[in-house]
Structure formats: C-alpha cells, structure tokens
Amino acid sequence: MPENKSRSKGQGDSTAPESVDAAKVAKPVQTSDSPYQSIFASLNHDLEEKIYQLSQARLIAEAVTRDLQDHDYYTRLCAECLDVFEATI
C-alpha cells in the first residue's frame, strides 16, 4: 500500500509506479545527512592519509637506493631523510 500513501501526498492518481519508485530511491541519496556520505567521507580521508604515507615511504626508498656506490652516500642519505621529515612537519 505504499502507492496509496504517495498519492495522498499530492501526486494525484498517477498509475506509473516506476516514477514513484524512482522518487523514493533518489530522495535518500540527495539528503545531506545520508549515512553513506559519512562513510564515504571517512573512507576518502583514510585513503588520502595512506596515499600520503606511501608517498613519503617512496621518497625515502628512492633516497636509500640512489647512488649506493657513492662515498658520501650515508651523509646525503641522512640529509635527504631529514629534508623529507622536515617537509612533513
């Protein structure tokens, strides 16, 4: 009997249940307090944090593996790691 309730809300005597069903489906997605939106926002935030952490790890890995045969390798490596960590602060 949901069709009778929707008709009493001002939709008239429409006999097209497809349009009524489409309206019911679209309303929850469009509300600003949808529980799905908060879930997606939380997941996006977590994903952005993980991407940032992986990019930092990649920079450190590149610094570690670059120029392994160089005599001043460890000095430069420590300086580059320090630069990376200072940039994140």
PDB file of N, CA and C in Angstrom:
ATOM      1  N   MET A   1       0.786  -1.207   0.000  1.00  0.00           N
ATOM      2  CA  MET A   1       0.000   0.000   0.000  1.00  0.00           C
ATOM      3  C   MET A   1       0.836   1.285   0.000  1.00  0.00           C
ATOM      4  N   PRO A   2       2.152   1.256  -0.277  1.00  0.00           N
ATOM      5  CA  PRO A   2       2.913   2.497  -0.292  1.00  0.00           C
ATOM      6  C   PRO A   2       2.457   3.446  -1.388  1.00  0.00           C
ATOM      7  N   GLU A   3       1.872   2.914  -2.474  1.00  0.00           N
ATOM      8  CA  GLU A   3       1.413   3.789  -3.548  1.00  0.00           C
ATOM      9  C   GLU A   3       0.274   4.689  -3.070  1.00  0.00           C
ATOM     10  N   ASN A   4      -0.589   4.170  -2.223  1.00  0.00           N
ATOM     11  CA  ASN A   4      -1.685   4.988  -1.713  1.00  0.00           C
ATOM     12  C   ASN A   4      -1.160   6.135  -0.859  1.00  0.00           C
ATOM     13  N   LYS A   5      -0.134   5.899  -0.080  1.00  0.00           N
ATOM     14  CA  LYS A   5       0.442   6.958   0.742  1.00  0.00           C
ATOM     15  C   LYS A   5       1.055   8.041  -0.131  1.00  0.00           C
ATOM     16  N   SER A   6       1.755   7.643  -1.196  1.00  0.00           N
ATOM     17  CA  SER A   6       2.383   8.645  -2.055  1.00  0.00           C
ATOM     18  C   SER A   6       1.335   9.426  -2.835  1.00  0.00           C
ATOM     19  N   ARG A   7       0.222   8.806  -3.159  1.00  0.00           N
ATOM     20  CA  ARG A   7      -0.843   9.532  -3.857  1.00  0.00           C
ATOM     21  C   ARG A   7      -1.470  10.569  -2.938  1.00  0.00           C
ATOM     22  N   SER A   8      -1.562  10.259  -1.665  1.00  0.00           N
ATOM     23  CA  SER A   8      -2.176  11.216  -0.746  1.00  0.00           C
ATOM     24  C   SER A   8      -1.254  12.404  -0.480  1.00  0.00           C
ATOM     25  N   LYS A   9       0.001  12.326  -0.895  1.00  0.00           N
ATOM     26  CA  LYS A   9       0.934  13.427  -0.695  1.00  0.00           C
ATOM     27  C   LYS A   9       0.920  14.408  -1.852  1.00  0.00           C
ATOM     28  N   GLY A  10      -0.007  14.297  -2.745  1.00  0.00           N
ATOM     29  CA  GLY A  10      -0.142  15.292  -3.795  1.00  0.00           C
ATOM     30  C   GLY A  10       0.318  14.833  -5.160  1.00  0.00           C
ATOM     31  N   GLN A  11       0.538  13.554  -5.368  1.00  0.00           N
ATOM     32  CA  GLN A  11       0.958  13.089  -6.674  1.00  0.00           C
ATOM     33  C   GLN A  11      -0.233  12.740  -7.555  1.00  0.00           C
ATOM     34  N   GLY A  12      -1.417  12.886  -7.069  1.00  0.00           N
ATOM     35  CA  GLY A  12      -2.609  12.621  -7.865  1.00  0.00           C
ATOM     36  C   GLY A  12      -2.853  11.144  -8.029  1.00  0.00           C
ATOM     37  N   ASP A  13      -3.592  10.793  -9.085  1.00  0.00           N
ATOM     38  CA  ASP A  13      -3.924   9.399  -9.340  1.00  0.00           C
ATOM     39  C   ASP A  13      -2.995   8.815 -10.391  1.00  0.00           C
ATOM     40  N   SER A  14      -1.744   9.049 -10.294  1.00  0.00           N
ATOM     41  CA  SER A  14      -0.774   8.529 -11.257  1.00  0.00           C
ATOM     42  C   SER A  14      -0.726   7.011 -11.157  1.00  0.00           C
ATOM     43  N   THR A  15      -0.743   6.358 -12.299  1.00  0.00           N
ATOM     44  CA  THR A  15      -0.700   4.902 -12.321  1.00  0.00           C
ATOM     45  C   THR A  15       0.670   4.403 -12.738  1.00  0.00           C
ATOM     46  N   ALA A  16       1.671   5.258 -12.771  1.00  0.00           N
ATOM     47  CA  ALA A  16       3.015   4.853 -13.165  1.00  0.00           C
ATOM     48  C   ALA A  16       3.856   4.607 -11.912  1.00  0.00           C
ATOM     49  N   PRO A  17       3.919   3.365 -11.448  1.00  0.00           N
ATOM     50  CA  PRO A  17       4.679   3.083 -10.233  1.00  0.00           C
ATOM     51  C   PRO A  17       6.181   3.277 -10.419  1.00  0.00           C
ATOM     52  N   GLU A  18       6.671   3.253 -11.659  1.00  0.00           N
ATOM     53  CA  GLU A  18       8.101   3.445 -11.885  1.00  0.00           C
ATOM     54  C   GLU A  18       8.544   4.830 -11.425  1.00  0.00           C
ATOM     55  N   SER A  19       7.765   5.856 -11.730  1.00  0.00           N
ATOM     56  CA  SER A  19       8.152   7.206 -11.331  1.00  0.00           C
ATOM     57  C   SER A  19       8.083   7.371  -9.819  1.00  0.00           C
ATOM     58  N   VAL A  20       7.143   6.711  -9.188  1.00  0.00           N
ATOM     59  CA  VAL A  20       7.038   6.779  -7.736  1.00  0.00           C
ATOM     60  C   VAL A  20       8.237   6.081  -7.108  1.00  0.00           C
ATOM     61  N   ASP A  21       8.613   4.925  -7.628  1.00  0.00           N
ATOM     62  CA  ASP A  21       9.754   4.198  -7.098  1.00  0.00           C
ATOM     63  C   ASP A  21      11.046   4.977  -7.310  1.00  0.00           C
ATOM     64  N   ALA A  22      11.201   5.616  -8.458  1.00  0.00           N
ATOM     65  CA  ALA A  22      12.406   6.393  -8.734  1.00  0.00           C
ATOM     66  C   ALA A  22      12.523   7.558  -7.769  1.00  0.00           C
ATOM     67  N   ALA A  23      11.416   8.187  -7.430  1.00  0.00           N
ATOM     68  CA  ALA A  23      11.440   9.301  -6.486  1.00  0.00           C
ATOM     69  C   ALA A  23      11.840   8.815  -5.096  1.00  0.00           C
ATOM     70  N   LYS A  24      11.366   7.646  -4.712  1.00  0.00           N
ATOM     71  CA  LYS A  24      11.717   7.105  -3.404  1.00  0.00           C
ATOM     72  C   LYS A  24      13.195   6.743  -3.334  1.00  0.00           C
ATOM     73  N   VAL A  25      13.747   6.249  -4.422  1.00  0.00           N
ATOM     74  CA  VAL A  25      15.153   5.864  -4.436  1.00  0.00           C
ATOM     75  C   VAL A  25      16.046   7.098  -4.435  1.00  0.00           C
ATOM     76  N   ALA A  26      15.669   8.144  -5.141  1.00  0.00           N
ATOM     77  CA  ALA A  26      16.514   9.330  -5.276  1.00  0.00           C
ATOM     78  C   ALA A  26      16.564  10.157  -3.997  1.00  0.00           C
ATOM     79  N   LYS A  27      15.523  10.174  -3.202  1.00  0.00           N
ATOM     80  CA  LYS A  27      15.490  11.036  -2.017  1.00  0.00           C
ATOM     81  C   LYS A  27      16.588  10.712  -1.003  1.00  0.00           C
ATOM     82  N   PRO A  28      16.817   9.454  -0.607  1.00  0.00           N
ATOM     83  CA  PRO A  28      17.854   9.202   0.391  1.00  0.00           C
ATOM     84  C   PRO A  28      19.255   9.575  -0.079  1.00  0.00           C
ATOM     85  N   VAL A  29      19.528   9.462  -1.365  1.00  0.00           N
ATOM     86  CA  VAL A  29      20.853   9.773  -1.874  1.00  0.00           C
ATOM     87  C   VAL A  29      21.096  11.272  -1.850  1.00  0.00           C
ATOM     88  N   GLN A  30      20.070  12.076  -2.016  1.00  0.00           N
ATOM     89  CA  GLN A  30      20.222  13.512  -2.122  1.00  0.00           C
ATOM     90  C   GLN A  30      20.284  14.213  -0.769  1.00  0.00           C
ATOM     91  N   THR A  31      19.935  13.558   0.303  1.00  0.00           N
ATOM     92  CA  THR A  31      19.948  14.222   1.603  1.00  0.00           C
ATOM     93  C   THR A  31      21.383  14.411   2.073  1.00  0.00           C
ATOM     94  N   SER A  32      21.616  15.500   2.792  1.00  0.00           N
ATOM     95  CA  SER A  32      22.971  15.803   3.248  1.00  0.00           C
ATOM     96  C   SER A  32      23.373  14.960   4.454  1.00  0.00           C
ATOM     97  N   ASP A  33      22.420  14.392   5.158  1.00  0.00           N
ATOM     98  CA  ASP A  33      22.740  13.600   6.340  1.00  0.00           C
ATOM     99  C   ASP A  33      22.687  12.101   6.052  1.00  0.00           C
ATOM    100  N   SER A  34      22.920  11.731   4.819  1.00  0.00           N
ATOM    101  CA  SER A  34      22.898  10.330   4.436  1.00  0.00           C
ATOM    102  C   SER A  34      24.037   9.585   5.134  1.00  0.00           C
ATOM    103  N   PRO A  35      23.758   8.417   5.698  1.00  0.00           N
ATOM    104  CA  PRO A  35      24.838   7.669   6.360  1.00  0.00           C
ATOM    105  C   PRO A  35      25.914   7.228   5.369  1.00  0.00           C
ATOM    106  N   TYR A  36      25.554   7.057   4.121  1.00  0.00           N
ATOM    107  CA  TYR A  36      26.543   6.660   3.119  1.00  0.00           C
ATOM    108  C   TYR A  36      27.561   7.763   2.886  1.00  0.00           C
ATOM    109  N   GLN A  37      27.125   9.010   2.915  1.00  0.00           N
ATOM    110  CA  GLN A  37      28.048  10.118   2.689  1.00  0.00           C
ATOM    111  C   GLN A  37      29.089  10.195   3.792  1.00  0.00           C
ATOM    112  N   SER A  38      28.699   9.964   5.018  1.00  0.00           N
ATOM    113  CA  SER A  38      29.676  10.000   6.107  1.00  0.00           C
ATOM    114  C   SER A  38      30.648   8.827   6.003  1.00  0.00           C
ATOM    115  N   ILE A  39      30.161   7.676   5.554  1.00  0.00           N
ATOM    116  CA  ILE A  39      31.043   6.521   5.359  1.00  0.00           C
ATOM    117  C   ILE A  39      32.041   6.813   4.249  1.00  0.00           C
ATOM    118  N   PHE A  40      31.556   7.350   3.119  1.00  0.00           N
ATOM    119  CA  PHE A  40      32.450   7.672   2.006  1.00  0.00           C
ATOM    120  C   PHE A  40      33.459   8.739   2.403  1.00  0.00           C
ATOM    121  N   ALA A  41      33.034   9.728   3.159  1.00  0.00           N
ATOM    122  CA  ALA A  41      33.952  10.781   3.597  1.00  0.00           C
ATOM    123  C   ALA A  41      35.048  10.202   4.489  1.00  0.00           C
ATOM    124  N   SER A  42      34.667   9.303   5.377  1.00  0.00           N
ATOM    125  CA  SER A  42      35.648   8.673   6.260  1.00  0.00           C
ATOM    126  C   SER A  42      36.632   7.819   5.470  1.00  0.00           C
ATOM    127  N   LEU A  43      36.113   7.039   4.522  1.00  0.00           N
ATOM    128  CA  LEU A  43      36.985   6.202   3.700  1.00  0.00           C
ATOM    129  C   LEU A  43      37.915   7.046   2.844  1.00  0.00           C
ATOM    130  N   ASN A  44      37.412   8.140   2.287  1.00  0.00           N
ATOM    131  CA  ASN A  44      38.258   9.021   1.479  1.00  0.00           C
ATOM    132  C   ASN A  44      39.366   9.630   2.320  1.00  0.00           C
ATOM    133  N   HIS A  45      39.033  10.035   3.543  1.00  0.00           N
ATOM    134  CA  HIS A  45      40.040  10.617   4.433  1.00  0.00           C
ATOM    135  C   HIS A  45      41.126   9.587   4.748  1.00  0.00           C
ATOM    136  N   ASP A  46      40.719   8.361   5.070  1.00  0.00           N
ATOM    137  CA  ASP A  46      41.687   7.303   5.362  1.00  0.00           C
ATOM    138  C   ASP A  46      42.560   7.012   4.151  1.00  0.00           C
ATOM    139  N   LEU A  47      41.945   6.983   2.973  1.00  0.00           N
ATOM    140  CA  LEU A  47      42.692   6.718   1.748  1.00  0.00           C
ATOM    141  C   LEU A  47      43.707   7.822   1.472  1.00  0.00           C
ATOM    142  N   GLU A  48      43.317   9.069   1.668  1.00  0.00           N
ATOM    143  CA  GLU A  48      44.241  10.183   1.456  1.00  0.00           C
ATOM    144  C   GLU A  48      45.427  10.101   2.418  1.00  0.00           C
ATOM    145  N   GLU A  49      45.183   9.712   3.662  1.00  0.00           N
ATOM    146  CA  GLU A  49      46.275   9.556   4.629  1.00  0.00           C
ATOM    147  C   GLU A  49      47.233   8.458   4.198  1.00  0.00           C
ATOM    148  N   LYS A  50      46.681   7.334   3.746  1.00  0.00           N
ATOM    149  CA  LYS A  50      47.528   6.219   3.334  1.00  0.00           C
ATOM    150  C   LYS A  50      48.338   6.569   2.084  1.00  0.00           C
ATOM    151  N   ILE A  51      47.739   7.275   1.146  1.00  0.00           N
ATOM    152  CA  ILE A  51      48.462   7.697  -0.055  1.00  0.00           C
ATOM    153  C   ILE A  51      49.607   8.627   0.326  1.00  0.00           C
ATOM    154  N   TYR A  52      49.360   9.537   1.246  1.00  0.00           N
ATOM    155  CA  TYR A  52      50.402  10.455   1.698  1.00  0.00           C
ATOM    156  C   TYR A  52      51.548   9.684   2.356  1.00  0.00           C
ATOM    157  N   GLN A  53      51.212   8.724   3.222  1.00  0.00           N
ATOM    158  CA  GLN A  53      52.243   7.934   3.893  1.00  0.00           C
ATOM    159  C   GLN A  53      53.050   7.118   2.890  1.00  0.00           C
ATOM    160  N   LEU A  54      52.379   6.548   1.890  1.00  0.00           N
ATOM    161  CA  LEU A  54      53.091   5.782   0.872  1.00  0.00           C
ATOM    162  C   LEU A  54      54.005   6.668   0.039  1.00  0.00           C
ATOM    163  N   SER A  55      53.588   7.889  -0.234  1.00  0.00           N
ATOM    164  CA  SER A  55      54.450   8.788  -0.999  1.00  0.00           C
ATOM    165  C   SER A  55      55.693   9.147  -0.193  1.00  0.00           C
ATOM    166  N   GLN A  56      55.550   9.307   1.121  1.00  0.00           N
ATOM    167  CA  GLN A  56      56.714   9.571   1.966  1.00  0.00           C
ATOM    168  C   GLN A  56      57.648   8.363   1.988  1.00  0.00           C
ATOM    169  N   ALA A  57      57.086   7.172   2.099  1.00  0.00           N
ATOM    170  CA  ALA A  57      57.904   5.957   2.091  1.00  0.00           C
ATOM    171  C   ALA A  57      58.624   5.798   0.753  1.00  0.00           C
ATOM    172  N   ARG A  58      57.964   6.163  -0.328  1.00  0.00           N
ATOM    173  CA  ARG A  58      58.590   6.080  -1.650  1.00  0.00           C
ATOM    174  C   ARG A  58      59.771   7.037  -1.756  1.00  0.00           C
ATOM    175  N   LEU A  59      59.613   8.254  -1.250  1.00  0.00           N
ATOM    176  CA  LEU A  59      60.718   9.213  -1.271  1.00  0.00           C
ATOM    177  C   LEU A  59      61.917   8.695  -0.479  1.00  0.00           C
ATOM    178  N   ILE A  60      61.657   8.093   0.657  1.00  0.00           N
ATOM    179  CA  ILE A  60      62.741   7.551   1.476  1.00  0.00           C
ATOM    180  C   ILE A  60      63.400   6.371   0.766  1.00  0.00           C
ATOM    181  N   ALA A  61      62.590   5.492   0.169  1.00  0.00           N
ATOM    182  CA  ALA A  61      63.149   4.347  -0.551  1.00  0.00           C
ATOM    183  C   ALA A  61      64.006   4.801  -1.729  1.00  0.00           C
ATOM    184  N   GLU A  62      63.572   5.830  -2.430  1.00  0.00           N
ATOM    185  CA  GLU A  62      64.378   6.353  -3.533  1.00  0.00           C
ATOM    186  C   GLU A  62      65.688   6.929  -3.018  1.00  0.00           C
ATOM    187  N   ALA A  63      65.624   7.609  -1.883  1.00  0.00           N
ATOM    188  CA  ALA A  63      66.840   8.175  -1.309  1.00  0.00           C
ATOM    189  C   ALA A  63      67.807   7.080  -0.871  1.00  0.00           C
ATOM    190  N   VAL A  64      67.273   5.978  -0.349  1.00  0.00           N
ATOM    191  CA  VAL A  64      68.124   4.887   0.124  1.00  0.00           C
ATOM    192  C   VAL A  64      68.798   4.165  -1.035  1.00  0.00           C
ATOM    193  N   THR A  65      68.087   3.946  -2.106  1.00  0.00           N
ATOM    194  CA  THR A  65      68.623   3.143  -3.205  1.00  0.00           C
ATOM    195  C   THR A  65      69.408   3.938  -4.236  1.00  0.00           C
ATOM    196  N   ARG A  66      69.391   5.239  -4.135  1.00  0.00           N
ATOM    197  CA  ARG A  66      70.099   6.066  -5.113  1.00  0.00           C
ATOM    198  C   ARG A  66      71.590   6.118  -4.787  1.00  0.00           C
ATOM    199  N   ASP A  67      72.411   5.931  -5.768  1.00  0.00           N
ATOM    200  CA  ASP A  67      73.869   6.094  -5.661  1.00  0.00           C
ATOM    201  C   ASP A  67      74.479   5.299  -4.505  1.00  0.00           C
ATOM    202  N   LEU A  68      74.261   4.003  -4.483  1.00  0.00           N
ATOM    203  CA  LEU A  68      74.785   3.171  -3.400  1.00  0.00           C
ATOM    204  C   LEU A  68      76.313   3.110  -3.395  1.00  0.00           C
ATOM    205  N   GLN A  69      76.961   3.337  -4.541  1.00  0.00           N
ATOM    206  CA  GLN A  69      78.418   3.244  -4.632  1.00  0.00           C
ATOM    207  C   GLN A  69      79.127   4.550  -4.281  1.00  0.00           C
ATOM    208  N   ASP A  70      78.387   5.600  -4.040  1.00  0.00           N
ATOM    209  CA  ASP A  70      78.992   6.902  -3.756  1.00  0.00           C
ATOM    210  C   ASP A  70      79.608   6.915  -2.353  1.00  0.00           C
ATOM    211  N   HIS A  71      80.748   7.612  -2.199  1.00  0.00           N
ATOM    212  CA  HIS A  71      81.458   7.654  -0.915  1.00  0.00           C
ATOM    213  C   HIS A  71      80.691   8.450   0.137  1.00  0.00           C
ATOM    214  N   ASP A  72      80.024   9.497  -0.257  1.00  0.00           N
ATOM    215  CA  ASP A  72      79.274  10.329   0.693  1.00  0.00           C
ATOM    216  C   ASP A  72      77.798   9.921   0.770  1.00  0.00           C
ATOM    217  N   TYR A  73      77.549   8.670   0.471  1.00  0.00           N
ATOM    218  CA  TYR A  73      76.173   8.179   0.388  1.00  0.00           C
ATOM    219  C   TYR A  73      75.414   8.378   1.701  1.00  0.00           C
ATOM    220  N   TYR A  74      75.977   7.929   2.801  1.00  0.00           N
ATOM    221  CA  TYR A  74      75.252   7.971   4.074  1.00  0.00           C
ATOM    222  C   TYR A  74      75.022   9.401   4.555  1.00  0.00           C
ATOM    223  N   THR A  75      75.955  10.280   4.284  1.00  0.00           N
ATOM    224  CA  THR A  75      75.772  11.681   4.662  1.00  0.00           C
ATOM    225  C   THR A  75      74.602  12.285   3.906  1.00  0.00           C
ATOM    226  N   ARG A  76      74.585  12.051   2.600  1.00  0.00           N
ATOM    227  CA  ARG A  76      73.483  12.584   1.792  1.00  0.00           C
ATOM    228  C   ARG A  76      72.170  11.897   2.136  1.00  0.00           C
ATOM    229  N   LEU A  77      72.225  10.595   2.393  1.00  0.00           N
ATOM    230  CA  LEU A  77      71.014   9.852   2.747  1.00  0.00           C
ATOM    231  C   LEU A  77      70.374  10.433   4.004  1.00  0.00           C
ATOM    232  N   CYS A  78      71.169  10.665   5.018  1.00  0.00           N
ATOM    233  CA  CYS A  78      70.628  11.239   6.256  1.00  0.00           C
ATOM    234  C   CYS A  78      70.080  12.638   6.013  1.00  0.00           C
ATOM    235  N   ALA A  79      70.769  13.421   5.196  1.00  0.00           N
ATOM    236  CA  ALA A  79      70.300  14.779   4.899  1.00  0.00           C
ATOM    237  C   ALA A  79      68.980  14.743   4.136  1.00  0.00           C
ATOM    238  N   GLU A  80      68.860  13.821   3.178  1.00  0.00           N
ATOM    239  CA  GLU A  80      67.617  13.725   2.405  1.00  0.00           C
ATOM    240  C   GLU A  80      66.462  13.240   3.277  1.00  0.00           C
ATOM    241  N   CYS A  81      66.728  12.277   4.144  1.00  0.00           N
ATOM    242  CA  CYS A  81      65.671  11.799   5.048  1.00  0.00           C
ATOM    243  C   CYS A  81      65.239  12.916   5.991  1.00  0.00           C
ATOM    244  N   LEU A  82      66.206  13.689   6.453  1.00  0.00           N
ATOM    245  CA  LEU A  82      65.880  14.816   7.316  1.00  0.00           C
ATOM    246  C   LEU A  82      65.029  15.834   6.568  1.00  0.00           C
ATOM    247  N   ASP A  83      65.360  16.091   5.306  1.00  0.00           N
ATOM    248  CA  ASP A  83      64.564  17.022   4.495  1.00  0.00           C
ATOM    249  C   ASP A  83      63.132  16.529   4.333  1.00  0.00           C
ATOM    250  N   VAL A  84      62.983  15.223   4.103  1.00  0.00           N
ATOM    251  CA  VAL A  84      61.644  14.651   3.927  1.00  0.00           C
ATOM    252  C   VAL A  84      60.835  14.805   5.207  1.00  0.00           C
ATOM    253  N   PHE A  85      61.424  14.488   6.330  1.00  0.00           N
ATOM    254  CA  PHE A  85      60.692  14.578   7.589  1.00  0.00           C
ATOM    255  C   PHE A  85      60.408  16.023   7.981  1.00  0.00           C
ATOM    256  N   GLU A  86      61.329  16.929   7.697  1.00  0.00           N
ATOM    257  CA  GLU A  86      61.072  18.339   7.986  1.00  0.00           C
ATOM    258  C   GLU A  86      59.947  18.879   7.111  1.00  0.00           C
ATOM    259  N   ALA A  87      59.854  18.382   5.896  1.00  0.00           N
ATOM    260  CA  ALA A  87      58.791  18.841   4.989  1.00  0.00           C
ATOM    261  C   ALA A  87      57.421  18.379   5.463  1.00  0.00           C
ATOM    262  N   THR A  88      57.371  17.288   6.194  1.00  0.00           N
ATOM    263  CA  THR A  88      56.073  16.779   6.658  1.00  0.00           C
ATOM    264  C   THR A  88      55.600  17.472   7.922  1.00  0.00           C
ATOM    265  N   ILE A  89      56.492  18.156   8.594  1.00  0.00           N
ATOM    266  CA  ILE A  89      56.116  18.818   9.860  1.00  0.00           C
ATOM    267  C   ILE A  89      55.474  20.153   9.595  1.00  0.00           C
TER     268      ILE A  89
END
